[in-house]
Amino acid sequence: MKHTACYHLPGLFEFYELYLLFLPLFREHREYFYDWCEIGSIYGAPPDCIWGGGRVEAGEHSPAEVLALTQEYGISARLTFSNSLLRPEHLSDRKCNAVCQQFAQRGTVQNGVIVHSELLLNYLQQHYPELYLVSSTTKVLTDLQAFQAEVRRPEFRYVVPDFRLNKSFDALDTLSQPEKDKVEFLCNECCWFGCTERRRCYEAVSRKNLGEVCEHRCTAPGAQEGYRFSKAMENPGFIGTADIRERYLPLGFSNFKLEGRGLGSALVLEFLLYYLTRPEYQIHVREAIYLDNMLDLF
C-alpha cells in the first residue's frame, strides 16, 4: 500500500504568479494541507514552442525564473513537448533546444519532458539524457494491452493513460509494483467519456503550435461550453480525493496529474484547494492568495 499521493500540477509558465504564492504556503503552513499528499512536479512550456502539445501555452516568465522557483522548493519541472506531428526539420528548433539545455542542467531535483513523438523521444535521449521522459496522455491510450506495453517501456519514467482507463481496476491491479509506480492518472478531465475525437483535438493543437492552419472543432457533447469542474466531477473517469485515499493508494498507485493549462489561475486554485487542502483551511489559503497579495486571478 502506498501512503503518499504525488501530484503533478499544470501551468509551469502560465501560472507562475500563483505558484509563487502557493508554494510558500504549502511549505510554511503544512497544517493547511493533507499530510498524505505532496507536489511532485509542475508541467508546462513557454509560449510559441513548436514542440509543444496538449494545449497552446501562455505565460511571460523565462525558463530561468520558473526553474529557480521549482528548484527552491524541490519540485521537478516538466516540459510539455508532446507535439505528435513533428518532422525531422523541427528538431533543430533553437528555442526548444535552448529550453531543454536549461532544464537539463543539474539542480536539486531532476527535470523531465512529457513527450508523444517517437522522433523527439529519440532526439531527447541522444542530446539531453539528463531529462527523464513521460509518455503523454495525448497518445490516447485506451487499449489496455497497448497501455501495459507502454508502461513496460524502459525509456519512460511515467506513463499517463487516457482518463477512460482510470477505473479499470482489475486490469490495473495486474501490474507489478514497479509498473504501478510509473502510472500517472489524469484526475479531472472534463471531456465527454465517450468522445471519439480526442486524438484529433490533440492533433489540432499540434498543428497550431507548428503554425499550420487547422479548422478542427470538437463536436463532442458539451464541448462548446468549455471546462467546468462540476462537470468533471460527474465524469465516470473522475478521480477525487476519496478515490485516491480509499482505492488508488491501497492498490499501490501514487501519481496523479491535474489538468488545467489554459483554464485560468482562479480555476487552478480551486483544484489546489480541492486536491491538496484540508476543507477547514481552504478559506485561509484563499485569503492568503486573494487578499494578502491583492492578486487578481480572474
C-alpha atoms as a PDB file:
ATOM      1  CA  MET A   1       0.000   0.000   0.000  1.00  0.00           C
ATOM      2  CA  LYS A   2       1.203   3.480  -0.858  1.00  0.00           C
ATOM      3  CA  HIS A   3       0.804   6.156   1.792  1.00  0.00           C
ATOM      4  CA  THR A   4       1.535   9.350  -0.146  1.00  0.00           C
ATOM      5  CA  ALA A   5      -0.095  10.730  -3.272  1.00  0.00           C
ATOM      6  CA  CYS A   6       2.208  12.685  -5.568  1.00  0.00           C
ATOM      7  CA  TYR A   7       0.504  15.419  -7.581  1.00  0.00           C
ATOM      8  CA  HIS A   8       1.693  16.760 -10.934  1.00  0.00           C
ATOM      9  CA  LEU A   9       0.336  20.269 -11.433  1.00  0.00           C
ATOM     10  CA  PRO A  10      -0.397  22.381 -14.539  1.00  0.00           C
ATOM     11  CA  GLY A  11       0.898  25.709 -15.786  1.00  0.00           C
ATOM     12  CA  LEU A  12       4.630  25.891 -15.077  1.00  0.00           C
ATOM     13  CA  PHE A  13       4.953  29.144 -17.031  1.00  0.00           C
ATOM     14  CA  GLU A  14       1.318  30.162 -17.303  1.00  0.00           C
ATOM     15  CA  PHE A  15       0.573  30.148 -13.560  1.00  0.00           C
ATOM     16  CA  TYR A  16       3.980  31.180 -12.260  1.00  0.00           C
ATOM     17  CA  GLU A  17       2.493  34.012 -10.144  1.00  0.00           C
ATOM     18  CA  LEU A  18       0.046  31.613  -8.494  1.00  0.00           C
ATOM     19  CA  TYR A  19       2.753  29.114  -7.595  1.00  0.00           C
ATOM     20  CA  LEU A  20       4.986  31.938  -6.376  1.00  0.00           C
ATOM     21  CA  LEU A  21       2.342  32.477  -3.673  1.00  0.00           C
ATOM     22  CA  PHE A  22       1.082  28.936  -3.187  1.00  0.00           C
ATOM     23  CA  LEU A  23       4.375  27.073  -2.746  1.00  0.00           C
ATOM     24  CA  PRO A  24       5.494  29.126   0.298  1.00  0.00           C
ATOM     25  CA  LEU A  25       2.090  28.428   1.885  1.00  0.00           C
ATOM     26  CA  PHE A  26       2.485  24.725   1.180  1.00  0.00           C
ATOM     27  CA  ARG A  27       5.894  24.728   2.888  1.00  0.00           C
ATOM     28  CA  GLU A  28       5.303  27.134   5.780  1.00  0.00           C
ATOM     29  CA  HIS A  29       1.737  26.102   6.678  1.00  0.00           C
ATOM     30  CA  ARG A  30       1.827  22.370   6.103  1.00  0.00           C
ATOM     31  CA  GLU A  31      -1.007  22.044   8.604  1.00  0.00           C
ATOM     32  CA  TYR A  32      -3.322  23.590   5.990  1.00  0.00           C
ATOM     33  CA  PHE A  33      -2.785  20.638   3.662  1.00  0.00           C
ATOM     34  CA  TYR A  34      -3.384  16.909   3.685  1.00  0.00           C
ATOM     35  CA  ASP A  35      -0.459  15.016   5.187  1.00  0.00           C
ATOM     36  CA  TRP A  36      -0.943  12.184   2.668  1.00  0.00           C
ATOM     37  CA  CYS A  37      -0.004  14.233  -0.419  1.00  0.00           C
ATOM     38  CA  GLU A  38       2.960  16.060  -1.895  1.00  0.00           C
ATOM     39  CA  ILE A  39       3.802  18.013  -5.064  1.00  0.00           C
ATOM     40  CA  GLY A  40       5.983  16.026  -7.434  1.00  0.00           C
ATOM     41  CA  SER A  41       6.155  18.267 -10.475  1.00  0.00           C
ATOM     42  CA  ILE A  42       4.734  21.254 -12.304  1.00  0.00           C
ATOM     43  CA  TYR A  43       4.415  20.948 -16.069  1.00  0.00           C
ATOM     44  CA  GLY A  44       4.161  23.364 -18.979  1.00  0.00           C
ATOM     45  CA  ALA A  45       6.181  25.082 -21.677  1.00  0.00           C
ATOM     46  CA  PRO A  46       6.949  28.622 -22.818  1.00  0.00           C
ATOM     47  CA  PRO A  47       4.611  30.018 -25.491  1.00  0.00           C
ATOM     48  CA  ASP A  48       5.488  29.632 -29.155  1.00  0.00           C
ATOM     49  CA  CYS A  49       7.359  26.353 -28.758  1.00  0.00           C
ATOM     50  CA  ILE A  50       6.790  24.213 -31.835  1.00  0.00           C
ATOM     51  CA  TRP A  51       7.486  21.046 -29.841  1.00  0.00           C
ATOM     52  CA  GLY A  52       4.584  21.918 -27.542  1.00  0.00           C
ATOM     53  CA  GLY A  53       1.422  19.836 -27.416  1.00  0.00           C
ATOM     54  CA  GLY A  54      -1.758  19.149 -25.495  1.00  0.00           C
ATOM     55  CA  ARG A  55      -2.597  22.850 -25.164  1.00  0.00           C
ATOM     56  CA  VAL A  56      -1.445  26.098 -26.749  1.00  0.00           C
ATOM     57  CA  GLU A  57       0.684  27.617 -23.993  1.00  0.00           C
ATOM     58  CA  ALA A  58       0.735  31.058 -22.404  1.00  0.00           C
ATOM     59  CA  GLY A  59       2.961  32.803 -19.883  1.00  0.00           C
ATOM     60  CA  GLU A  60       5.566  35.539 -19.856  1.00  0.00           C
ATOM     61  CA  HIS A  61       8.171  34.196 -17.465  1.00  0.00           C
ATOM     62  CA  SER A  62      11.546  32.866 -18.510  1.00  0.00           C
ATOM     63  CA  PRO A  63      12.836  29.320 -18.032  1.00  0.00           C
ATOM     64  CA  ALA A  64      15.385  30.697 -15.571  1.00  0.00           C
ATOM     65  CA  GLU A  65      12.608  32.149 -13.397  1.00  0.00           C
ATOM     66  CA  VAL A  66      10.448  29.044 -13.292  1.00  0.00           C
ATOM     67  CA  LEU A  67      13.449  26.796 -12.679  1.00  0.00           C
ATOM     68  CA  ALA A  68      14.606  28.980  -9.808  1.00  0.00           C
ATOM     69  CA  LEU A  69      11.162  28.603  -8.218  1.00  0.00           C
ATOM     70  CA  THR A  70      10.814  24.841  -8.656  1.00  0.00           C
ATOM     71  CA  GLN A  71      14.385  24.119  -7.585  1.00  0.00           C
ATOM     72  CA  GLU A  72      13.918  26.241  -4.455  1.00  0.00           C
ATOM     73  CA  TYR A  73      11.008  24.052  -3.406  1.00  0.00           C
ATOM     74  CA  GLY A  74      12.474  20.739  -4.564  1.00  0.00           C
ATOM     75  CA  ILE A  75       9.857  20.235  -7.278  1.00  0.00           C
ATOM     76  CA  SER A  76      10.563  18.734 -10.675  1.00  0.00           C
ATOM     77  CA  ALA A  77       9.804  20.924 -13.715  1.00  0.00           C
ATOM     78  CA  ARG A  78       8.436  19.180 -16.794  1.00  0.00           C
ATOM     79  CA  LEU A  79       8.303  20.472 -20.344  1.00  0.00           C
ATOM     80  CA  THR A  80       5.137  19.585 -22.241  1.00  0.00           C
ATOM     81  CA  PHE A  81       6.803  18.847 -25.559  1.00  0.00           C
ATOM     82  CA  SER A  82       4.071  16.449 -26.648  1.00  0.00           C
ATOM     83  CA  ASN A  83       3.551  17.588 -30.234  1.00  0.00           C
ATOM     84  CA  SER A  84       2.602  14.455 -32.177  1.00  0.00           C
ATOM     85  CA  LEU A  85       3.315  15.802 -35.678  1.00  0.00           C
ATOM     86  CA  LEU A  86       6.979  16.728 -35.546  1.00  0.00           C
ATOM     87  CA  ARG A  87       9.178  16.189 -38.593  1.00  0.00           C
ATOM     88  CA  PRO A  88      12.999  15.875 -38.702  1.00  0.00           C
ATOM     89  CA  GLU A  89      13.449  19.519 -39.656  1.00  0.00           C
ATOM     90  CA  HIS A  90      11.694  20.594 -36.445  1.00  0.00           C
ATOM     91  CA  LEU A  91      14.321  19.010 -34.201  1.00  0.00           C
ATOM     92  CA  SER A  92      16.801  21.827 -34.797  1.00  0.00           C
ATOM     93  CA  ASP A  93      14.438  24.485 -33.443  1.00  0.00           C
ATOM     94  CA  ARG A  94      16.595  26.900 -31.454  1.00  0.00           C
ATOM     95  CA  LYS A  95      14.054  27.926 -28.829  1.00  0.00           C
ATOM     96  CA  CYS A  96      13.050  24.396 -27.883  1.00  0.00           C
ATOM     97  CA  ASN A  97      16.657  23.214 -27.738  1.00  0.00           C
ATOM     98  CA  ALA A  98      17.653  26.204 -25.618  1.00  0.00           C
ATOM     99  CA  VAL A  99      14.884  25.443 -23.112  1.00  0.00           C
ATOM    100  CA  CYS A 100      15.940  21.793 -22.948  1.00  0.00           C
ATOM    101  CA  GLN A 101      19.519  22.833 -22.301  1.00  0.00           C
ATOM    102  CA  GLN A 102      18.406  24.934 -19.339  1.00  0.00           C
ATOM    103  CA  PHE A 103      16.169  22.219 -17.915  1.00  0.00           C
ATOM    104  CA  ALA A 104      18.904  19.614 -18.321  1.00  0.00           C
ATOM    105  CA  GLN A 105      21.282  21.476 -16.012  1.00  0.00           C
ATOM    106  CA  ARG A 106      21.840  19.623 -12.768  1.00  0.00           C
ATOM    107  CA  GLY A 107      19.945  21.025  -9.785  1.00  0.00           C
ATOM    108  CA  THR A 108      18.439  19.806  -6.546  1.00  0.00           C
ATOM    109  CA  VAL A 109      15.858  17.731  -8.455  1.00  0.00           C
ATOM    110  CA  GLN A 110      15.819  16.234 -11.936  1.00  0.00           C
ATOM    111  CA  ASN A 111      13.576  17.771 -14.587  1.00  0.00           C
ATOM    112  CA  GLY A 112      11.696  15.974 -17.340  1.00  0.00           C
ATOM    113  CA  VAL A 113       9.888  16.153 -20.658  1.00  0.00           C
ATOM    114  CA  ILE A 114       6.386  14.941 -21.491  1.00  0.00           C
ATOM    115  CA  VAL A 115       6.655  13.516 -24.990  1.00  0.00           C
ATOM    116  CA  HIS A 116       4.465  11.955 -27.681  1.00  0.00           C
ATOM    117  CA  SER A 117       6.605  11.838 -30.829  1.00  0.00           C
ATOM    118  CA  GLU A 118       8.984   8.886 -31.151  1.00  0.00           C
ATOM    119  CA  LEU A 119      11.170  11.124 -33.281  1.00  0.00           C
ATOM    120  CA  LEU A 120      11.511  13.638 -30.464  1.00  0.00           C
ATOM    121  CA  LEU A 121      11.924  10.897 -27.875  1.00  0.00           C
ATOM    122  CA  ASN A 122      14.961   9.523 -29.682  1.00  0.00           C
ATOM    123  CA  TYR A 123      16.380  13.019 -30.126  1.00  0.00           C
ATOM    124  CA  LEU A 124      15.977  13.849 -26.441  1.00  0.00           C
ATOM    125  CA  GLN A 125      17.603  10.598 -25.369  1.00  0.00           C
ATOM    126  CA  GLN A 126      20.586  11.379 -27.558  1.00  0.00           C
ATOM    127  CA  HIS A 127      21.019  15.082 -26.812  1.00  0.00           C
ATOM    128  CA  TYR A 128      19.530  15.583 -23.324  1.00  0.00           C
ATOM    129  CA  PRO A 129      19.920  12.318 -21.380  1.00  0.00           C
ATOM    130  CA  GLU A 130      19.762  14.309 -18.127  1.00  0.00           C
ATOM    131  CA  LEU A 131      15.999  14.760 -18.633  1.00  0.00           C
ATOM    132  CA  TYR A 132      13.611  11.963 -17.694  1.00  0.00           C
ATOM    133  CA  LEU A 133      10.744  11.166 -20.059  1.00  0.00           C
ATOM    134  CA  VAL A 134       6.986  10.937 -19.531  1.00  0.00           C
ATOM    135  CA  SER A 135       4.664   9.252 -22.037  1.00  0.00           C
ATOM    136  CA  SER A 136       1.944  11.785 -22.804  1.00  0.00           C
ATOM    137  CA  THR A 137      -1.794  11.289 -22.395  1.00  0.00           C
ATOM    138  CA  THR A 138      -2.094  12.784 -25.897  1.00  0.00           C
ATOM    139  CA  LYS A 139      -1.343   9.277 -27.185  1.00  0.00           C
ATOM    140  CA  VAL A 140      -4.921   8.448 -26.092  1.00  0.00           C
ATOM    141  CA  LEU A 141      -4.008   5.030 -24.724  1.00  0.00           C
ATOM    142  CA  THR A 142      -7.445   3.496 -24.252  1.00  0.00           C
ATOM    143  CA  ASP A 143      -6.491  -0.086 -25.166  1.00  0.00           C
ATOM    144  CA  LEU A 144      -5.347  -1.949 -22.066  1.00  0.00           C
ATOM    145  CA  GLN A 145      -2.759  -4.064 -23.850  1.00  0.00           C
ATOM    146  CA  ALA A 146      -1.251  -1.038 -25.579  1.00  0.00           C
ATOM    147  CA  PHE A 147      -1.168   0.801 -22.255  1.00  0.00           C
ATOM    148  CA  GLN A 148       0.516  -2.108 -20.472  1.00  0.00           C
ATOM    149  CA  ALA A 149       3.112  -2.289 -23.242  1.00  0.00           C
ATOM    150  CA  GLU A 150       3.775   1.431 -22.860  1.00  0.00           C
ATOM    151  CA  VAL A 151       4.256   1.075 -19.102  1.00  0.00           C
ATOM    152  CA  ARG A 152       6.858  -1.617 -19.709  1.00  0.00           C
ATOM    153  CA  ARG A 153       8.974   0.582 -21.982  1.00  0.00           C
ATOM    154  CA  PRO A 154      12.165   1.343 -20.039  1.00  0.00           C
ATOM    155  CA  GLU A 155      12.683   4.778 -21.574  1.00  0.00           C
ATOM    156  CA  PHE A 156       9.672   6.202 -19.706  1.00  0.00           C
ATOM    157  CA  ARG A 157       9.717   7.047 -16.008  1.00  0.00           C
ATOM    158  CA  TYR A 158       5.972   7.762 -16.068  1.00  0.00           C
ATOM    159  CA  VAL A 159       3.095   6.907 -18.393  1.00  0.00           C
ATOM    160  CA  VAL A 160      -0.196   8.862 -18.436  1.00  0.00           C
ATOM    161  CA  PRO A 161      -3.042   6.695 -19.772  1.00  0.00           C
ATOM    162  CA  ASP A 162      -6.212   8.066 -21.263  1.00  0.00           C
ATOM    163  CA  PHE A 163      -8.626   9.007 -18.477  1.00  0.00           C
ATOM    164  CA  ARG A 164     -11.047   6.320 -19.652  1.00  0.00           C
ATOM    165  CA  LEU A 165      -8.753   3.678 -18.177  1.00  0.00           C
ATOM    166  CA  ASN A 166      -8.854   5.309 -14.744  1.00  0.00           C
ATOM    167  CA  LYS A 167     -11.394   2.888 -13.293  1.00  0.00           C
ATOM    168  CA  SER A 168     -10.160  -0.326 -14.975  1.00  0.00           C
ATOM    169  CA  PHE A 169      -9.110  -1.628 -11.588  1.00  0.00           C
ATOM    170  CA  ASP A 170      -8.998  -5.338 -12.408  1.00  0.00           C
ATOM    171  CA  ALA A 171      -6.547  -4.778 -15.243  1.00  0.00           C
ATOM    172  CA  LEU A 172      -4.586  -2.095 -13.410  1.00  0.00           C
ATOM    173  CA  ASP A 173      -4.057  -4.366 -10.435  1.00  0.00           C
ATOM    174  CA  THR A 174      -2.316  -6.957 -12.621  1.00  0.00           C
ATOM    175  CA  LEU A 175       0.636  -4.558 -12.999  1.00  0.00           C
ATOM    176  CA  SER A 176       3.701  -5.181 -10.875  1.00  0.00           C
ATOM    177  CA  GLN A 177       4.552  -2.629  -8.193  1.00  0.00           C
ATOM    178  CA  PRO A 178       7.389  -1.072 -10.252  1.00  0.00           C
ATOM    179  CA  GLU A 179       4.906  -0.742 -13.128  1.00  0.00           C
ATOM    180  CA  LYS A 180       2.287   0.807 -10.846  1.00  0.00           C
ATOM    181  CA  ASP A 181       4.877   3.352  -9.746  1.00  0.00           C
ATOM    182  CA  LYS A 182       5.094   4.540 -13.366  1.00  0.00           C
ATOM    183  CA  VAL A 183       1.357   5.091 -13.892  1.00  0.00           C
ATOM    184  CA  GLU A 184       0.188   8.707 -13.627  1.00  0.00           C
ATOM    185  CA  PHE A 185      -3.579   9.128 -13.675  1.00  0.00           C
ATOM    186  CA  LEU A 186      -5.262  12.207 -15.163  1.00  0.00           C
ATOM    187  CA  CYS A 187      -7.772  13.055 -12.433  1.00  0.00           C
ATOM    188  CA  ASN A 188     -10.003  15.906 -13.502  1.00  0.00           C
ATOM    189  CA  GLU A 189     -10.683  15.548 -17.217  1.00  0.00           C
ATOM    190  CA  CYS A 190     -13.912  17.207 -18.350  1.00  0.00           C
ATOM    191  CA  CYS A 191     -14.049  15.722 -21.856  1.00  0.00           C
ATOM    192  CA  TRP A 192     -17.065  13.573 -22.722  1.00  0.00           C
ATOM    193  CA  PHE A 193     -16.307   9.992 -21.662  1.00  0.00           C
ATOM    194  CA  GLY A 194     -17.496   8.630 -24.998  1.00  0.00           C
ATOM    195  CA  CYS A 195     -15.553  11.120 -27.134  1.00  0.00           C
ATOM    196  CA  THR A 196     -14.155   9.723 -30.380  1.00  0.00           C
ATOM    197  CA  GLU A 197     -12.379  12.955 -31.409  1.00  0.00           C
ATOM    198  CA  ARG A 198      -9.848  13.223 -28.607  1.00  0.00           C
ATOM    199  CA  ARG A 199      -6.885  12.277 -30.777  1.00  0.00           C
ATOM    200  CA  ARG A 200      -7.981  14.759 -33.480  1.00  0.00           C
ATOM    201  CA  CYS A 201      -8.298  17.521 -30.871  1.00  0.00           C
ATOM    202  CA  TYR A 202      -4.735  16.949 -29.716  1.00  0.00           C
ATOM    203  CA  GLU A 203      -3.510  16.847 -33.309  1.00  0.00           C
ATOM    204  CA  ALA A 204      -5.223  20.192 -33.905  1.00  0.00           C
ATOM    205  CA  VAL A 205      -3.190  21.721 -31.068  1.00  0.00           C
ATOM    206  CA  SER A 206      -0.019  20.201 -32.518  1.00  0.00           C
ATOM    207  CA  ARG A 207      -0.768  21.835 -35.874  1.00  0.00           C
ATOM    208  CA  LYS A 208      -1.397  25.202 -34.237  1.00  0.00           C
ATOM    209  CA  ASN A 209       1.924  25.017 -32.400  1.00  0.00           C
ATOM    210  CA  LEU A 210       3.610  24.305 -35.740  1.00  0.00           C
ATOM    211  CA  GLY A 211       1.960  27.395 -37.206  1.00  0.00           C
ATOM    212  CA  GLU A 212      -0.223  25.359 -39.548  1.00  0.00           C
ATOM    213  CA  VAL A 213      -3.826  26.151 -40.401  1.00  0.00           C
ATOM    214  CA  CYS A 214      -6.266  23.929 -38.546  1.00  0.00           C
ATOM    215  CA  GLU A 215     -10.036  24.321 -38.584  1.00  0.00           C
ATOM    216  CA  HIS A 216     -10.944  21.351 -36.393  1.00  0.00           C
ATOM    217  CA  ARG A 217     -13.690  21.973 -33.847  1.00  0.00           C
ATOM    218  CA  CYS A 218     -14.671  19.276 -31.393  1.00  0.00           C
ATOM    219  CA  THR A 219     -18.297  18.196 -31.790  1.00  0.00           C
ATOM    220  CA  ALA A 220     -18.472  16.072 -28.634  1.00  0.00           C
ATOM    221  CA  PRO A 221     -21.471  16.801 -26.382  1.00  0.00           C
ATOM    222  CA  GLY A 222     -20.789  19.774 -24.118  1.00  0.00           C
ATOM    223  CA  ALA A 223     -17.543  20.735 -25.838  1.00  0.00           C
ATOM    224  CA  GLN A 224     -18.700  24.262 -26.672  1.00  0.00           C
ATOM    225  CA  GLU A 225     -19.458  25.203 -23.066  1.00  0.00           C
ATOM    226  CA  GLY A 226     -15.823  24.708 -22.069  1.00  0.00           C
ATOM    227  CA  TYR A 227     -14.348  23.288 -18.903  1.00  0.00           C
ATOM    228  CA  ARG A 228     -16.478  23.005 -15.760  1.00  0.00           C
ATOM    229  CA  PHE A 229     -15.024  21.401 -12.650  1.00  0.00           C
ATOM    230  CA  SER A 230     -18.543  20.455 -11.596  1.00  0.00           C
ATOM    231  CA  LYS A 231     -18.949  18.589 -14.871  1.00  0.00           C
ATOM    232  CA  ALA A 232     -15.567  16.930 -14.490  1.00  0.00           C
ATOM    233  CA  MET A 233     -16.662  15.617 -11.095  1.00  0.00           C
ATOM    234  CA  GLU A 234     -19.577  13.851 -12.780  1.00  0.00           C
ATOM    235  CA  ASN A 235     -17.324  12.212 -15.370  1.00  0.00           C
ATOM    236  CA  PRO A 236     -17.078   8.404 -14.986  1.00  0.00           C
ATOM    237  CA  GLY A 237     -13.290   8.753 -15.134  1.00  0.00           C
ATOM    238  CA  PHE A 238     -13.066  11.405 -12.409  1.00  0.00           C
ATOM    239  CA  ILE A 239     -10.665  10.689  -9.560  1.00  0.00           C
ATOM    240  CA  GLY A 240     -11.483  12.543  -6.364  1.00  0.00           C
ATOM    241  CA  THR A 241      -9.623  12.745  -3.072  1.00  0.00           C
ATOM    242  CA  ALA A 242     -11.667   9.920  -1.547  1.00  0.00           C
ATOM    243  CA  ASP A 243     -10.867   7.716  -4.559  1.00  0.00           C
ATOM    244  CA  ILE A 244      -7.161   8.414  -4.146  1.00  0.00           C
ATOM    245  CA  ARG A 245      -7.088   7.595  -0.446  1.00  0.00           C
ATOM    246  CA  GLU A 246      -9.520   4.676  -0.432  1.00  0.00           C
ATOM    247  CA  ARG A 247      -8.810   2.957  -3.751  1.00  0.00           C
ATOM    248  CA  TYR A 248      -5.661   4.032  -5.585  1.00  0.00           C
ATOM    249  CA  LEU A 249      -3.188   4.314  -2.703  1.00  0.00           C
ATOM    250  CA  PRO A 250      -4.213   0.922  -1.238  1.00  0.00           C
ATOM    251  CA  LEU A 251      -3.713  -0.627  -4.702  1.00  0.00           C
ATOM    252  CA  GLY A 252      -0.177   0.794  -4.848  1.00  0.00           C
ATOM    253  CA  PHE A 253      -0.687   3.781  -7.191  1.00  0.00           C
ATOM    254  CA  SER A 254       0.716   7.137  -6.150  1.00  0.00           C
ATOM    255  CA  ASN A 255       0.981   9.528  -9.125  1.00  0.00           C
ATOM    256  CA  PHE A 256      -1.873  11.840 -10.084  1.00  0.00           C
ATOM    257  CA  LYS A 257      -1.941  14.548 -12.737  1.00  0.00           C
ATOM    258  CA  LEU A 258      -4.230  17.590 -12.655  1.00  0.00           C
ATOM    259  CA  GLU A 259      -5.127  19.218 -15.931  1.00  0.00           C
ATOM    260  CA  GLY A 260      -5.617  22.967 -16.052  1.00  0.00           C
ATOM    261  CA  ARG A 261      -3.467  24.682 -18.669  1.00  0.00           C
ATOM    262  CA  GLY A 262      -5.478  27.385 -20.382  1.00  0.00           C
ATOM    263  CA  LEU A 263      -8.206  27.394 -17.728  1.00  0.00           C
ATOM    264  CA  GLY A 264      -7.045  30.388 -15.706  1.00  0.00           C
ATOM    265  CA  SER A 265      -5.440  30.765 -12.285  1.00  0.00           C
ATOM    266  CA  ALA A 266      -8.725  31.023 -10.394  1.00  0.00           C
ATOM    267  CA  LEU A 267      -9.849  27.579 -11.520  1.00  0.00           C
ATOM    268  CA  VAL A 268      -6.417  26.050 -10.949  1.00  0.00           C
ATOM    269  CA  LEU A 269      -6.546  27.419  -7.404  1.00  0.00           C
ATOM    270  CA  GLU A 270      -9.830  25.549  -6.943  1.00  0.00           C
ATOM    271  CA  PHE A 271      -8.032  22.358  -7.975  1.00  0.00           C
ATOM    272  CA  LEU A 272      -5.284  23.053  -5.434  1.00  0.00           C
ATOM    273  CA  LEU A 273      -7.900  23.638  -2.763  1.00  0.00           C
ATOM    274  CA  TYR A 274      -9.862  20.505  -3.568  1.00  0.00           C
ATOM    275  CA  TYR A 275      -6.978  18.078  -4.015  1.00  0.00           C
ATOM    276  CA  LEU A 276      -4.391  19.328  -1.536  1.00  0.00           C
ATOM    277  CA  THR A 277      -6.079  21.492   1.085  1.00  0.00           C
ATOM    278  CA  ARG A 278      -7.965  20.405   4.195  1.00  0.00           C
ATOM    279  CA  PRO A 279     -11.538  21.773   3.998  1.00  0.00           C
ATOM    280  CA  GLU A 280     -11.263  23.733   7.244  1.00  0.00           C
ATOM    281  CA  TYR A 281      -8.229  25.607   5.902  1.00  0.00           C
ATOM    282  CA  GLN A 282      -9.399  26.326   2.362  1.00  0.00           C
ATOM    283  CA  ILE A 283     -10.593  29.777   3.355  1.00  0.00           C
ATOM    284  CA  HIS A 284      -7.156  30.525   4.810  1.00  0.00           C
ATOM    285  CA  VAL A 285      -5.477  29.617   1.539  1.00  0.00           C
ATOM    286  CA  ARG A 286      -7.986  31.652  -0.480  1.00  0.00           C
ATOM    287  CA  GLU A 287      -7.442  34.693   1.728  1.00  0.00           C
ATOM    288  CA  ALA A 288      -3.664  34.346   1.542  1.00  0.00           C
ATOM    289  CA  ILE A 289      -3.781  34.212  -2.252  1.00  0.00           C
ATOM    290  CA  TYR A 290      -6.505  36.755  -2.976  1.00  0.00           C
ATOM    291  CA  LEU A 291      -6.484  39.225  -0.094  1.00  0.00           C
ATOM    292  CA  ASP A 292      -2.990  39.229   1.384  1.00  0.00           C
ATOM    293  CA  ASN A 293      -1.399  39.608  -2.021  1.00  0.00           C
ATOM    294  CA  MET A 294      -4.155  41.515  -3.821  1.00  0.00           C
ATOM    295  CA  LEU A 295      -3.745  39.126  -6.741  1.00  0.00           C
ATOM    296  CA  ASP A 296      -6.380  39.250  -9.476  1.00  0.00           C
ATOM    297  CA  LEU A 297      -6.714  35.666 -10.647  1.00  0.00           C
ATOM    298  CA  PHE A 298      -9.834  36.146 -12.727  1.00  0.00           C
END
